[in-house]
Amino acid sequence: MAVTPVPADVTIVATGGTPVNAIAANPAGIGGGILANPIQPADQGLANAEPLYVDPTGNPATLQGNGSTFRLESGQSWSAIPGQTTATSVNAQSSGHKFSGVKW
């Protein structure tokens, strides 16, 4: 099966503490995807590296690594669930936190 990766829908937390949908909900389901928290502060667009928070359930990601929100340290990645229909929400403490993402 051939797939064509495309950029994630959002790859920056514009306002710290306000979650964004990196991968929008898709009733037909997605083929998969990857979100990554860069290891270097400069790649995150920040002075100091910080965690990124991911919630694939359609709920807004919190700033706590518990419940349905997962904490990604610098250099860690998240694999989106093949067939997932819910949005994947991302959050970070600081405004302007950049991350990498593709979906298919």
C-alpha atoms as a PDB file:
ATOM      1  CA  MET A   1       0.000   0.000   0.000  1.00  0.00           C
ATOM      2  CA  ALA A   2       1.419   3.356  -1.025  1.00  0.00           C
ATOM      3  CA  VAL A   3       1.082   6.379   1.244  1.00  0.00           C
ATOM      4  CA  THR A   4       1.986  10.037   0.833  1.00  0.00           C
ATOM      5  CA  PRO A   5       3.037  11.741   4.069  1.00  0.00           C
ATOM      6  CA  VAL A   6       1.880  15.341   4.440  1.00  0.00           C
ATOM      7  CA  PRO A   7       2.723  17.914   7.121  1.00  0.00           C
ATOM      8  CA  ALA A   8       0.766  17.793  10.361  1.00  0.00           C
ATOM      9  CA  ASP A   9      -2.070  20.322  10.564  1.00  0.00           C
ATOM     10  CA  VAL A  10      -0.252  22.411  13.209  1.00  0.00           C
ATOM     11  CA  THR A  11       3.411  22.258  14.313  1.00  0.00           C
ATOM     12  CA  ILE A  12       3.635  25.076  16.860  1.00  0.00           C
ATOM     13  CA  VAL A  13       1.971  25.786  20.196  1.00  0.00           C
ATOM     14  CA  ALA A  14       1.248  29.466  19.608  1.00  0.00           C
ATOM     15  CA  THR A  15       0.220  30.242  23.186  1.00  0.00           C
ATOM     16  CA  GLY A  16       1.762  28.269  26.023  1.00  0.00           C
ATOM     17  CA  GLY A  17      -0.807  26.255  27.958  1.00  0.00           C
ATOM     18  CA  THR A  18      -3.343  26.438  25.112  1.00  0.00           C
ATOM     19  CA  PRO A  19      -3.567  23.116  23.238  1.00  0.00           C
ATOM     20  CA  VAL A  20      -3.577  22.852  19.443  1.00  0.00           C
ATOM     21  CA  ASN A  21      -4.758  19.992  17.217  1.00  0.00           C
ATOM     22  CA  ALA A  22      -1.589  18.790  15.504  1.00  0.00           C
ATOM     23  CA  ILE A  23      -3.637  16.165  13.666  1.00  0.00           C
ATOM     24  CA  ALA A  24      -7.267  17.090  13.055  1.00  0.00           C
ATOM     25  CA  ALA A  25     -10.100  14.658  13.633  1.00  0.00           C
ATOM     26  CA  ASN A  26     -10.904  12.604  10.525  1.00  0.00           C
ATOM     27  CA  PRO A  27     -14.104  10.502  10.504  1.00  0.00           C
ATOM     28  CA  ALA A  28     -12.564   8.212   7.857  1.00  0.00           C
ATOM     29  CA  GLY A  29      -9.478   7.626  10.035  1.00  0.00           C
ATOM     30  CA  ILE A  30      -5.849   8.441   9.298  1.00  0.00           C
ATOM     31  CA  GLY A  31      -3.241   6.026   8.014  1.00  0.00           C
ATOM     32  CA  GLY A  32      -0.825   7.057  10.747  1.00  0.00           C
ATOM     33  CA  GLY A  33       1.623   9.797  11.611  1.00  0.00           C
ATOM     34  CA  ILE A  34       4.548  10.928  13.717  1.00  0.00           C
ATOM     35  CA  LEU A  35       4.934  13.894  16.063  1.00  0.00           C
ATOM     36  CA  ALA A  36       8.360  14.682  17.496  1.00  0.00           C
ATOM     37  CA  ASN A  37       9.609  17.041  20.186  1.00  0.00           C
ATOM     38  CA  PRO A  38      12.968  18.347  18.902  1.00  0.00           C
ATOM     39  CA  ILE A  39      15.990  17.678  21.070  1.00  0.00           C
ATOM     40  CA  GLN A  40      17.605  21.120  20.647  1.00  0.00           C
ATOM     41  CA  PRO A  41      16.082  24.247  22.230  1.00  0.00           C
ATOM     42  CA  ALA A  42      16.687  26.207  19.003  1.00  0.00           C
ATOM     43  CA  ASP A  43      14.660  23.636  17.048  1.00  0.00           C
ATOM     44  CA  GLN A  44      11.848  24.065  19.582  1.00  0.00           C
ATOM     45  CA  GLY A  45      12.119  27.836  19.048  1.00  0.00           C
ATOM     46  CA  LEU A  46      12.933  28.287  22.747  1.00  0.00           C
ATOM     47  CA  ALA A  47      15.876  29.312  24.929  1.00  0.00           C
ATOM     48  CA  ASN A  48      15.580  26.082  26.963  1.00  0.00           C
ATOM     49  CA  ALA A  49      14.258  22.702  25.854  1.00  0.00           C
ATOM     50  CA  GLU A  50      10.996  21.595  27.449  1.00  0.00           C
ATOM     51  CA  PRO A  51       8.512  18.718  27.275  1.00  0.00           C
ATOM     52  CA  LEU A  52       5.670  18.467  24.781  1.00  0.00           C
ATOM     53  CA  TYR A  53       2.317  16.976  25.807  1.00  0.00           C
ATOM     54  CA  VAL A  54       0.205  14.827  23.464  1.00  0.00           C
ATOM     55  CA  ASP A  55      -3.378  13.550  23.832  1.00  0.00           C
ATOM     56  CA  PRO A  56      -4.784  11.352  21.029  1.00  0.00           C
ATOM     57  CA  THR A  57      -8.283  10.927  22.478  1.00  0.00           C
ATOM     58  CA  GLY A  58      -9.824  14.110  21.097  1.00  0.00           C
ATOM     59  CA  ASN A  59      -9.534  15.747  24.525  1.00  0.00           C
ATOM     60  CA  PRO A  60      -7.327  18.837  24.913  1.00  0.00           C
ATOM     61  CA  ALA A  61      -3.773  17.961  25.980  1.00  0.00           C
ATOM     62  CA  THR A  62      -2.973  19.197  29.484  1.00  0.00           C
ATOM     63  CA  LEU A  63       0.390  20.196  30.915  1.00  0.00           C
ATOM     64  CA  GLN A  64       0.469  17.015  33.013  1.00  0.00           C
ATOM     65  CA  GLY A  65       1.805  13.668  31.811  1.00  0.00           C
ATOM     66  CA  ASN A  66      -1.063  11.566  33.161  1.00  0.00           C
ATOM     67  CA  GLY A  67      -4.578  10.417  32.267  1.00  0.00           C
ATOM     68  CA  SER A  68      -4.772  10.380  28.463  1.00  0.00           C
ATOM     69  CA  THR A  69      -2.015  13.001  28.027  1.00  0.00           C
ATOM     70  CA  PHE A  70       1.502  11.707  27.360  1.00  0.00           C
ATOM     71  CA  ARG A  71       4.644  13.728  28.133  1.00  0.00           C
ATOM     72  CA  LEU A  72       7.349  13.730  25.449  1.00  0.00           C
ATOM     73  CA  GLU A  73      10.784  14.821  26.586  1.00  0.00           C
ATOM     74  CA  SER A  74      13.133  16.500  24.120  1.00  0.00           C
ATOM     75  CA  GLY A  75      14.058  14.033  21.378  1.00  0.00           C
ATOM     76  CA  GLN A  76      11.061  11.747  21.932  1.00  0.00           C
ATOM     77  CA  SER A  77       8.331  11.073  19.363  1.00  0.00           C
ATOM     78  CA  TRP A  78       4.717   9.948  19.235  1.00  0.00           C
ATOM     79  CA  SER A  79       3.279   7.593  16.613  1.00  0.00           C
ATOM     80  CA  ALA A  80      -0.280   8.455  15.641  1.00  0.00           C
ATOM     81  CA  ILE A  81      -2.599   5.473  15.707  1.00  0.00           C
ATOM     82  CA  PRO A  82      -3.474   4.006  12.287  1.00  0.00           C
ATOM     83  CA  GLY A  83      -7.221   4.336  11.734  1.00  0.00           C
ATOM     84  CA  GLN A  84      -7.517   7.010  14.448  1.00  0.00           C
ATOM     85  CA  THR A  85     -10.610   9.213  14.002  1.00  0.00           C
ATOM     86  CA  THR A  86     -10.051  11.599  16.928  1.00  0.00           C
ATOM     87  CA  ALA A  87      -7.883  14.719  16.925  1.00  0.00           C
ATOM     88  CA  THR A  88      -4.383  14.530  18.390  1.00  0.00           C
ATOM     89  CA  SER A  89      -3.963  17.513  20.701  1.00  0.00           C
ATOM     90  CA  VAL A  90      -0.568  18.972  21.639  1.00  0.00           C
ATOM     91  CA  ASN A  91       0.357  21.410  24.412  1.00  0.00           C
ATOM     92  CA  ALA A  92       3.506  23.008  25.853  1.00  0.00           C
ATOM     93  CA  GLN A  93       4.364  25.360  28.685  1.00  0.00           C
ATOM     94  CA  SER A  94       5.902  28.075  26.503  1.00  0.00           C
ATOM     95  CA  SER A  95       4.417  30.096  23.666  1.00  0.00           C
ATOM     96  CA  GLY A  96       6.046  29.421  20.312  1.00  0.00           C
ATOM     97  CA  HIS A  97       7.090  25.815  21.087  1.00  0.00           C
ATOM     98  CA  LYS A  98       7.756  24.197  17.692  1.00  0.00           C
ATOM     99  CA  PHE A  99       7.591  20.486  16.960  1.00  0.00           C
ATOM    100  CA  SER A 100       7.790  18.235  13.921  1.00  0.00           C
ATOM    101  CA  GLY A 101       4.870  16.314  12.480  1.00  0.00           C
ATOM    102  CA  VAL A 102       3.665  14.334   9.482  1.00  0.00           C
ATOM    103  CA  LYS A 103       0.533  12.297   8.862  1.00  0.00           C
ATOM    104  CA  TRP A 104      -0.771   9.977   6.166  1.00  0.00           C
END
